[in-house]
Amino acid sequence: MHRMISALSSSVLAAAGFFVPVQRAMAQEPMGVRYAQIPDHAYAIVAEVRAKPGKEAELRATTLPLVALVRSDPHNLVYFLQEDREAPGHFIFYEVFANQADFDAHNATPYVKQWFAKLPDLADGGVKVTRMELLR
């Protein structure tokens, strides 16, 4: 039924002169997340950091640039930075690498080292890292 309505909507839009791109592949796999490329024994990380009181905005501003940098790393498969809606300054990272060596190489990049160097002034404690195994 949904497919029929979608096809009908596309036909109506096309008849009206609108370009209607086919997005079948995008519906199956979001852009940027390459599920098919994630190996069975990928190395996943959940990392957590909390800002010192009054340092929430500064830690956020220091951390946000990591998103584009890490996602541009060819060894990174998935990377999300999240902030607790009820506790601003509480950040959770979700990261997936093919293996531990790729994760270790990520941590050795200059931009990650620079970020870690700023944490003593901004974060309440260090980064809590949980190493996860992906289950399929």
N, C-alpha and C. Protein backbone atom coordinates (compact mmCIF):
# COMPACT_ATOMS: atom_id res chain seq x y z
N MET A 1 0.83 -1.19 0.00
CA MET A 1 0.00 0.00 0.00
C MET A 1 0.87 1.25 0.00
N HIS A 2 1.88 1.26 0.93
CA HIS A 2 2.78 2.41 1.02
C HIS A 2 3.51 2.63 -0.30
N ARG A 3 3.97 1.53 -0.91
CA ARG A 3 4.70 1.61 -2.18
C ARG A 3 3.79 2.20 -3.27
N MET A 4 2.50 1.79 -3.26
CA MET A 4 1.56 2.27 -4.26
C MET A 4 1.31 3.77 -4.09
N ILE A 5 1.15 4.22 -2.85
CA ILE A 5 0.94 5.64 -2.59
C ILE A 5 2.17 6.44 -2.97
N SER A 6 3.34 5.91 -2.64
CA SER A 6 4.59 6.59 -2.99
C SER A 6 4.74 6.70 -4.50
N ALA A 7 4.43 5.62 -5.23
CA ALA A 7 4.52 5.64 -6.68
C ALA A 7 3.51 6.63 -7.27
N LEU A 8 2.31 6.65 -6.71
CA LEU A 8 1.28 7.58 -7.17
C LEU A 8 1.71 9.02 -6.93
N SER A 9 2.26 9.30 -5.74
CA SER A 9 2.75 10.64 -5.43
C SER A 9 3.85 11.05 -6.39
N SER A 10 4.77 10.14 -6.68
CA SER A 10 5.86 10.43 -7.61
C SER A 10 5.31 10.71 -9.00
N SER A 11 4.31 9.93 -9.42
CA SER A 11 3.72 10.13 -10.75
C SER A 11 3.04 11.48 -10.84
N VAL A 12 2.32 11.87 -9.81
CA VAL A 12 1.63 13.17 -9.80
C VAL A 12 2.65 14.29 -9.86
N LEU A 13 3.73 14.20 -9.06
CA LEU A 13 4.76 15.24 -9.06
C LEU A 13 5.47 15.30 -10.41
N ALA A 14 5.76 14.13 -11.00
CA ALA A 14 6.44 14.09 -12.30
C ALA A 14 5.54 14.71 -13.37
N ALA A 15 4.24 14.39 -13.32
CA ALA A 15 3.30 14.94 -14.30
C ALA A 15 3.20 16.46 -14.16
N ALA A 16 3.41 16.96 -12.96
CA ALA A 16 3.33 18.39 -12.73
C ALA A 16 4.64 19.09 -13.10
N GLY A 17 5.64 18.32 -13.54
CA GLY A 17 6.89 18.93 -13.98
C GLY A 17 7.97 18.94 -12.91
N PHE A 18 7.76 18.27 -11.80
CA PHE A 18 8.76 18.22 -10.75
C PHE A 18 9.68 17.03 -11.00
N PHE A 19 10.96 17.21 -10.71
CA PHE A 19 11.92 16.13 -10.81
C PHE A 19 11.78 15.28 -9.55
N VAL A 20 11.59 14.00 -9.70
CA VAL A 20 11.41 13.11 -8.56
C VAL A 20 12.54 12.09 -8.57
N PRO A 21 13.60 12.29 -7.76
CA PRO A 21 14.71 11.35 -7.76
C PRO A 21 14.31 10.04 -7.06
N VAL A 22 14.86 8.96 -7.54
CA VAL A 22 14.65 7.67 -6.89
C VAL A 22 15.63 7.57 -5.74
N GLN A 23 15.11 7.30 -4.53
CA GLN A 23 15.97 7.25 -3.35
C GLN A 23 15.90 5.88 -2.68
N ARG A 24 15.74 4.84 -3.45
CA ARG A 24 15.62 3.50 -2.89
C ARG A 24 16.85 3.12 -2.07
N ALA A 25 18.06 3.39 -2.57
CA ALA A 25 19.28 3.02 -1.85
C ALA A 25 19.41 3.80 -0.56
N MET A 26 19.04 5.06 -0.56
CA MET A 26 19.15 5.87 0.65
C MET A 26 18.20 5.37 1.73
N ALA A 27 17.07 4.81 1.37
CA ALA A 27 16.14 4.32 2.36
C ALA A 27 16.72 3.11 3.08
N GLN A 28 17.59 2.37 2.41
CA GLN A 28 18.17 1.18 3.01
C GLN A 28 19.39 1.50 3.87
N GLU A 29 20.18 2.48 3.50
CA GLU A 29 21.42 2.78 4.21
C GLU A 29 21.67 4.28 4.18
N PRO A 30 21.67 4.95 5.35
CA PRO A 30 21.89 6.39 5.37
C PRO A 30 23.26 6.76 4.80
N MET A 31 23.33 7.93 4.19
CA MET A 31 24.59 8.44 3.67
C MET A 31 25.61 8.51 4.80
N GLY A 32 26.83 8.12 4.53
CA GLY A 32 27.90 8.25 5.49
C GLY A 32 28.09 7.02 6.37
N VAL A 33 27.04 6.30 6.68
CA VAL A 33 27.16 5.09 7.48
C VAL A 33 27.22 3.92 6.51
N ARG A 34 28.33 3.23 6.53
CA ARG A 34 28.58 2.16 5.57
C ARG A 34 28.47 0.81 6.27
N TYR A 35 27.25 0.40 6.59
CA TYR A 35 27.04 -0.83 7.35
C TYR A 35 27.68 -2.04 6.69
N ALA A 36 27.59 -2.14 5.38
CA ALA A 36 28.14 -3.29 4.67
C ALA A 36 29.66 -3.37 4.80
N GLN A 37 30.30 -2.25 5.09
CA GLN A 37 31.76 -2.21 5.20
C GLN A 37 32.25 -2.49 6.62
N ILE A 38 31.34 -2.63 7.55
CA ILE A 38 31.74 -2.87 8.94
C ILE A 38 32.02 -4.36 9.11
N PRO A 39 33.26 -4.71 9.42
CA PRO A 39 33.60 -6.13 9.57
C PRO A 39 32.91 -6.74 10.80
N ASP A 40 32.75 -8.05 10.77
CA ASP A 40 32.06 -8.75 11.86
C ASP A 40 32.69 -8.49 13.22
N HIS A 41 34.00 -8.36 13.27
CA HIS A 41 34.67 -8.17 14.56
C HIS A 41 35.21 -6.75 14.69
N ALA A 42 34.40 -5.80 14.25
CA ALA A 42 34.81 -4.39 14.31
C ALA A 42 35.06 -3.99 15.76
N TYR A 43 35.80 -2.92 15.90
CA TYR A 43 36.18 -2.40 17.21
C TYR A 43 35.31 -1.18 17.50
N ALA A 44 34.37 -1.33 18.38
CA ALA A 44 33.45 -0.25 18.72
C ALA A 44 33.80 0.33 20.08
N ILE A 45 33.57 1.63 20.19
CA ILE A 45 33.88 2.37 21.41
C ILE A 45 32.67 3.20 21.81
N VAL A 46 32.39 3.20 23.09
CA VAL A 46 31.48 4.18 23.67
C VAL A 46 32.33 4.94 24.69
N ALA A 47 32.48 6.23 24.45
CA ALA A 47 33.30 7.05 25.34
C ALA A 47 32.43 8.14 25.95
N GLU A 48 32.75 8.50 27.17
CA GLU A 48 31.92 9.45 27.91
C GLU A 48 32.84 10.48 28.58
N VAL A 49 32.45 11.73 28.47
CA VAL A 49 33.19 12.81 29.13
C VAL A 49 32.17 13.83 29.66
N ARG A 50 32.47 14.37 30.82
CA ARG A 50 31.59 15.36 31.45
C ARG A 50 32.37 16.65 31.69
N ALA A 51 31.74 17.75 31.35
CA ALA A 51 32.38 19.05 31.54
C ALA A 51 32.42 19.43 33.02
N LYS A 52 33.45 20.17 33.39
CA LYS A 52 33.47 20.76 34.72
C LYS A 52 32.35 21.80 34.79
N PRO A 53 31.80 22.04 35.97
CA PRO A 53 30.74 23.05 36.08
C PRO A 53 31.21 24.39 35.51
N GLY A 54 30.39 24.98 34.66
CA GLY A 54 30.71 26.25 34.02
C GLY A 54 31.55 26.13 32.76
N LYS A 55 31.99 24.92 32.44
CA LYS A 55 32.84 24.70 31.25
C LYS A 55 32.10 23.96 30.13
N GLU A 56 30.78 23.82 30.26
CA GLU A 56 29.99 23.07 29.29
C GLU A 56 30.15 23.63 27.87
N ALA A 57 29.96 24.93 27.72
CA ALA A 57 30.04 25.55 26.38
C ALA A 57 31.44 25.45 25.81
N GLU A 58 32.44 25.61 26.64
CA GLU A 58 33.82 25.54 26.16
C GLU A 58 34.20 24.12 25.73
N LEU A 59 33.76 23.13 26.51
CA LEU A 59 34.04 21.75 26.12
C LEU A 59 33.29 21.40 24.83
N ARG A 60 32.06 21.86 24.71
CA ARG A 60 31.28 21.63 23.49
C ARG A 60 31.99 22.24 22.28
N ALA A 61 32.43 23.49 22.41
CA ALA A 61 33.10 24.19 21.30
C ALA A 61 34.42 23.52 20.93
N THR A 62 35.10 22.95 21.90
CA THR A 62 36.36 22.26 21.66
C THR A 62 36.14 20.88 21.03
N THR A 63 35.00 20.28 21.34
CA THR A 63 34.72 18.91 20.91
C THR A 63 34.03 18.84 19.55
N LEU A 64 33.17 19.77 19.23
CA LEU A 64 32.42 19.73 17.96
C LEU A 64 33.29 19.60 16.71
N PRO A 65 34.43 20.27 16.61
CA PRO A 65 35.27 20.11 15.41
C PRO A 65 35.77 18.69 15.18
N LEU A 66 35.78 17.86 16.22
CA LEU A 66 36.22 16.48 16.06
C LEU A 66 35.32 15.69 15.11
N VAL A 67 34.03 16.04 15.07
CA VAL A 67 33.09 15.26 14.26
C VAL A 67 33.55 15.19 12.80
N ALA A 68 33.77 16.33 12.19
CA ALA A 68 34.19 16.35 10.78
C ALA A 68 35.57 15.73 10.59
N LEU A 69 36.47 15.99 11.52
CA LEU A 69 37.82 15.46 11.40
C LEU A 69 37.83 13.93 11.48
N VAL A 70 37.14 13.37 12.46
CA VAL A 70 37.14 11.92 12.62
C VAL A 70 36.39 11.25 11.48
N ARG A 71 35.27 11.83 11.07
CA ARG A 71 34.52 11.23 9.97
C ARG A 71 35.29 11.26 8.65
N SER A 72 36.24 12.18 8.52
CA SER A 72 37.04 12.24 7.30
C SER A 72 38.19 11.23 7.31
N ASP A 73 38.46 10.63 8.46
CA ASP A 73 39.50 9.61 8.57
C ASP A 73 39.02 8.34 7.87
N PRO A 74 39.75 7.84 6.88
CA PRO A 74 39.30 6.66 6.15
C PRO A 74 39.19 5.40 7.02
N HIS A 75 39.84 5.38 8.18
CA HIS A 75 39.77 4.21 9.06
C HIS A 75 38.54 4.23 9.94
N ASN A 76 37.89 5.39 10.05
CA ASN A 76 36.68 5.48 10.87
C ASN A 76 35.47 5.04 10.06
N LEU A 77 34.68 4.17 10.63
CA LEU A 77 33.49 3.66 9.94
C LEU A 77 32.21 4.36 10.41
N VAL A 78 32.13 4.65 11.71
CA VAL A 78 30.96 5.33 12.28
C VAL A 78 31.44 6.22 13.41
N TYR A 79 30.90 7.43 13.48
CA TYR A 79 31.29 8.35 14.56
C TYR A 79 30.13 9.28 14.86
N PHE A 80 29.66 9.21 16.09
CA PHE A 80 28.61 10.11 16.54
C PHE A 80 29.03 10.75 17.84
N LEU A 81 28.79 12.04 17.95
CA LEU A 81 28.96 12.78 19.19
C LEU A 81 27.56 13.16 19.64
N GLN A 82 27.26 12.85 20.88
CA GLN A 82 25.93 13.14 21.43
C GLN A 82 26.08 13.88 22.75
N GLU A 83 25.09 14.70 23.07
CA GLU A 83 25.08 15.42 24.34
C GLU A 83 23.76 15.14 25.05
N ASP A 84 23.85 14.87 26.31
CA ASP A 84 22.68 14.58 27.14
C ASP A 84 21.78 15.82 27.19
N ARG A 85 20.54 15.68 26.76
CA ARG A 85 19.59 16.80 26.75
C ARG A 85 19.28 17.30 28.17
N GLU A 86 19.34 16.40 29.13
CA GLU A 86 18.99 16.76 30.50
C GLU A 86 20.20 17.15 31.35
N ALA A 87 21.39 16.95 30.81
CA ALA A 87 22.62 17.29 31.54
C ALA A 87 23.62 17.87 30.56
N PRO A 88 23.42 19.12 30.13
CA PRO A 88 24.36 19.73 29.18
C PRO A 88 25.80 19.61 29.68
N GLY A 89 26.68 19.30 28.75
CA GLY A 89 28.08 19.11 29.10
C GLY A 89 28.44 17.65 29.33
N HIS A 90 27.46 16.77 29.25
CA HIS A 90 27.70 15.33 29.36
C HIS A 90 27.66 14.78 27.94
N PHE A 91 28.83 14.38 27.43
CA PHE A 91 28.98 13.96 26.04
C PHE A 91 29.23 12.46 25.96
N ILE A 92 28.61 11.84 24.96
CA ILE A 92 28.81 10.42 24.67
C ILE A 92 29.27 10.32 23.22
N PHE A 93 30.37 9.61 23.01
CA PHE A 93 30.89 9.35 21.67
C PHE A 93 30.56 7.90 21.34
N TYR A 94 30.13 7.66 20.12
CA TYR A 94 29.97 6.30 19.62
C TYR A 94 30.84 6.19 18.38
N GLU A 95 31.79 5.27 18.41
CA GLU A 95 32.78 5.17 17.35
C GLU A 95 32.94 3.71 16.93
N VAL A 96 33.12 3.49 15.63
CA VAL A 96 33.38 2.14 15.13
C VAL A 96 34.57 2.21 14.18
N PHE A 97 35.52 1.31 14.43
CA PHE A 97 36.70 1.15 13.59
C PHE A 97 36.78 -0.32 13.19
N ALA A 98 37.47 -0.62 12.12
CA ALA A 98 37.59 -2.00 11.66
C ALA A 98 38.30 -2.87 12.69
N ASN A 99 39.26 -2.28 13.41
CA ASN A 99 40.05 -3.06 14.37
C ASN A 99 40.67 -2.11 15.39
N GLN A 100 41.30 -2.69 16.39
CA GLN A 100 41.91 -1.88 17.45
C GLN A 100 43.06 -1.03 16.91
N ALA A 101 43.81 -1.53 15.96
CA ALA A 101 44.92 -0.75 15.39
C ALA A 101 44.41 0.55 14.77
N ASP A 102 43.28 0.48 14.09
CA ASP A 102 42.70 1.70 13.50
C ASP A 102 42.25 2.66 14.60
N PHE A 103 41.70 2.13 15.68
CA PHE A 103 41.31 2.98 16.81
C PHE A 103 42.53 3.62 17.45
N ASP A 104 43.58 2.84 17.64
CA ASP A 104 44.82 3.38 18.22
C ASP A 104 45.41 4.46 17.33
N ALA A 105 45.37 4.26 16.01
CA ALA A 105 45.86 5.27 15.07
C ALA A 105 45.02 6.54 15.17
N HIS A 106 43.73 6.39 15.35
CA HIS A 106 42.83 7.54 15.55
C HIS A 106 43.26 8.34 16.77
N ASN A 107 43.52 7.65 17.87
CA ASN A 107 43.93 8.34 19.10
C ASN A 107 45.30 9.00 18.97
N ALA A 108 46.10 8.59 18.00
CA ALA A 108 47.43 9.16 17.80
C ALA A 108 47.42 10.36 16.84
N THR A 109 46.26 10.69 16.27
CA THR A 109 46.21 11.83 15.36
C THR A 109 46.44 13.13 16.13
N PRO A 110 47.02 14.13 15.48
CA PRO A 110 47.29 15.39 16.18
C PRO A 110 46.02 16.04 16.76
N TYR A 111 44.91 16.00 16.04
CA TYR A 111 43.71 16.66 16.54
C TYR A 111 43.12 15.96 17.75
N VAL A 112 43.22 14.64 17.83
CA VAL A 112 42.73 13.94 19.03
C VAL A 112 43.67 14.20 20.20
N LYS A 113 44.97 14.19 19.95
CA LYS A 113 45.93 14.49 21.01
C LYS A 113 45.72 15.91 21.56
N GLN A 114 45.46 16.86 20.66
CA GLN A 114 45.20 18.24 21.10
C GLN A 114 43.94 18.31 21.95
N TRP A 115 42.91 17.56 21.55
CA TRP A 115 41.67 17.55 22.32
C TRP A 115 41.91 16.98 23.72
N PHE A 116 42.62 15.85 23.79
CA PHE A 116 42.93 15.25 25.09
C PHE A 116 43.74 16.20 25.96
N ALA A 117 44.64 16.98 25.37
CA ALA A 117 45.47 17.91 26.13
C ALA A 117 44.64 19.02 26.78
N LYS A 118 43.48 19.34 26.23
CA LYS A 118 42.61 20.39 26.78
C LYS A 118 41.69 19.88 27.89
N LEU A 119 41.54 18.58 28.00
CA LEU A 119 40.58 18.01 28.94
C LEU A 119 40.85 18.33 30.41
N PRO A 120 42.10 18.38 30.87
CA PRO A 120 42.29 18.67 32.30
C PRO A 120 41.64 19.99 32.73
N ASP A 121 41.58 20.98 31.84
CA ASP A 121 40.96 22.26 32.18
C ASP A 121 39.44 22.25 31.99
N LEU A 122 38.94 21.37 31.14
CA LEU A 122 37.53 21.41 30.76
C LEU A 122 36.67 20.29 31.30
N ALA A 123 37.26 19.12 31.50
CA ALA A 123 36.46 17.94 31.86
C ALA A 123 36.61 17.59 33.33
N ASP A 124 35.52 17.08 33.86
CA ASP A 124 35.49 16.59 35.23
C ASP A 124 35.95 15.13 35.21
N GLY A 125 37.25 14.94 35.41
CA GLY A 125 37.83 13.61 35.27
C GLY A 125 38.23 13.39 33.82
N GLY A 126 38.63 12.21 33.52
CA GLY A 126 39.05 11.90 32.16
C GLY A 126 37.91 11.38 31.32
N VAL A 127 38.27 10.66 30.30
CA VAL A 127 37.30 10.05 29.41
C VAL A 127 37.11 8.60 29.85
N LYS A 128 35.87 8.24 30.06
CA LYS A 128 35.54 6.84 30.39
C LYS A 128 35.29 6.14 29.07
N VAL A 129 36.09 5.11 28.77
CA VAL A 129 36.01 4.39 27.51
C VAL A 129 35.53 2.96 27.78
N THR A 130 34.51 2.57 27.03
CA THR A 130 34.03 1.19 27.08
C THR A 130 34.25 0.59 25.70
N ARG A 131 35.00 -0.47 25.64
CA ARG A 131 35.27 -1.15 24.38
C ARG A 131 34.17 -2.19 24.15
N MET A 132 33.52 -2.09 23.02
CA MET A 132 32.35 -2.91 22.75
C MET A 132 32.60 -3.88 21.60
N GLU A 133 31.88 -4.98 21.61
CA GLU A 133 31.88 -5.92 20.50
C GLU A 133 30.54 -5.79 19.80
N LEU A 134 30.57 -5.64 18.48
CA LEU A 134 29.33 -5.56 17.72
C LEU A 134 28.72 -6.94 17.61
N LEU A 135 27.43 -7.00 17.83
CA LEU A 135 26.69 -8.25 17.70
C LEU A 135 25.77 -8.15 16.50
N ARG A 136 25.72 -9.19 15.71
CA ARG A 136 24.86 -9.18 14.51
C ARG A 136 23.95 -10.37 14.53
